């Protein structure tokens, strides 16, 4: 995933995907949120925002969308 993004699986099998971008690019995060869902929050003490997706059904949809493109 371009920009500062990752998939994360915790020790308790909590799965999430997040992308962090500068505040000037929040429109990109808003587009992703409208398309896949999730939440956008401002990072503390920075000019950056983070989009996070954590519902399993949406994570599966995202994986299907990027499958074969990485």
Protein backbone atom coordinates (compact mmCIF):
# COMPACT_ATOMS: atom_id res chain seq x y z
CA UNK A 1 0.00 0.00 0.00
CA UNK A 2 1.46 3.30 -1.07
CA UNK A 3 2.15 6.06 1.45
CA UNK A 4 2.58 5.02 5.07
CA UNK A 5 0.29 2.00 5.35
CA UNK A 6 0.22 -1.51 6.74
CA UNK A 7 -1.76 -4.58 7.66
CA UNK A 8 -1.61 -5.59 11.30
CA UNK A 9 -2.53 -8.80 13.13
CA UNK A 10 -2.33 -8.62 16.91
CA UNK A 11 -1.54 -11.48 19.27
CA UNK A 12 -5.29 -11.75 19.91
CA UNK A 13 -5.95 -12.10 16.14
CA UNK A 14 -7.26 -8.54 15.81
CA UNK A 15 -6.81 -7.60 12.14
CA UNK A 16 -6.62 -4.05 10.80
CA UNK A 17 -5.33 -2.01 7.90
CA UNK A 18 -4.25 1.60 8.22
CA UNK A 19 -2.90 4.34 5.99
CA UNK A 20 -1.42 7.61 7.26
CA UNK A 21 -1.12 10.69 5.04
CA UNK A 22 -0.36 14.39 5.37
CA UNK A 23 -3.33 16.68 5.99
CA UNK A 24 -3.05 18.02 2.43
CA UNK A 25 -4.00 14.55 1.16
CA UNK A 26 -7.02 13.95 3.39
CA UNK A 27 -9.26 13.88 0.29
CA UNK A 28 -7.59 10.59 -0.67
CA UNK A 29 -8.36 9.09 2.72
CA UNK A 30 -11.94 10.36 2.47
CA UNK A 31 -12.31 8.64 -0.92
CA UNK A 32 -11.00 5.37 0.54
CA UNK A 33 -13.37 5.68 3.51
CA UNK A 34 -16.39 6.21 1.22
CA UNK A 35 -15.36 3.18 -0.86
CA UNK A 36 -14.41 0.71 1.92
CA UNK A 37 -15.61 2.19 5.22
CA UNK A 38 -13.41 2.62 8.26
CA UNK A 39 -12.51 5.69 10.29
CA UNK A 40 -10.32 8.76 9.78
CA UNK A 41 -8.60 10.37 12.77
CA UNK A 42 -6.02 13.10 13.10
CA UNK A 43 -2.68 11.99 14.55
CA UNK A 44 -1.74 13.81 17.74
CA UNK A 45 0.79 16.64 17.47
CA UNK A 46 1.21 16.20 13.70
CA UNK A 47 -0.27 17.40 10.44
CA UNK A 48 -1.23 13.86 9.48
CA UNK A 49 -4.42 11.83 9.37
CA UNK A 50 -4.89 8.07 9.65
CA UNK A 51 -7.54 5.92 8.02
CA UNK A 52 -8.13 2.61 9.76
CA UNK A 53 -10.19 -0.38 8.68
CA UNK A 54 -10.84 -3.15 11.16
CA UNK A 55 -14.06 -5.04 10.36
CA UNK A 56 -13.18 -8.48 9.00
CA UNK A 57 -15.69 -8.35 6.15
CA UNK A 58 -14.15 -5.09 4.90
CA UNK A 59 -10.59 -6.40 5.33
CA UNK A 60 -11.50 -9.38 3.13
CA UNK A 61 -12.95 -7.03 0.50
CA UNK A 62 -9.77 -4.94 0.55
CA UNK A 63 -7.60 -8.05 0.18
CA UNK A 64 -9.65 -9.13 -2.85
CA UNK A 65 -9.23 -5.68 -4.40
CA UNK A 66 -5.45 -5.59 -4.05
CA UNK A 67 -4.84 -9.29 -4.75
CA UNK A 68 -2.35 -9.62 -7.59
CA UNK A 69 -1.48 -5.91 -7.61
CA UNK A 70 1.34 -5.89 -5.06
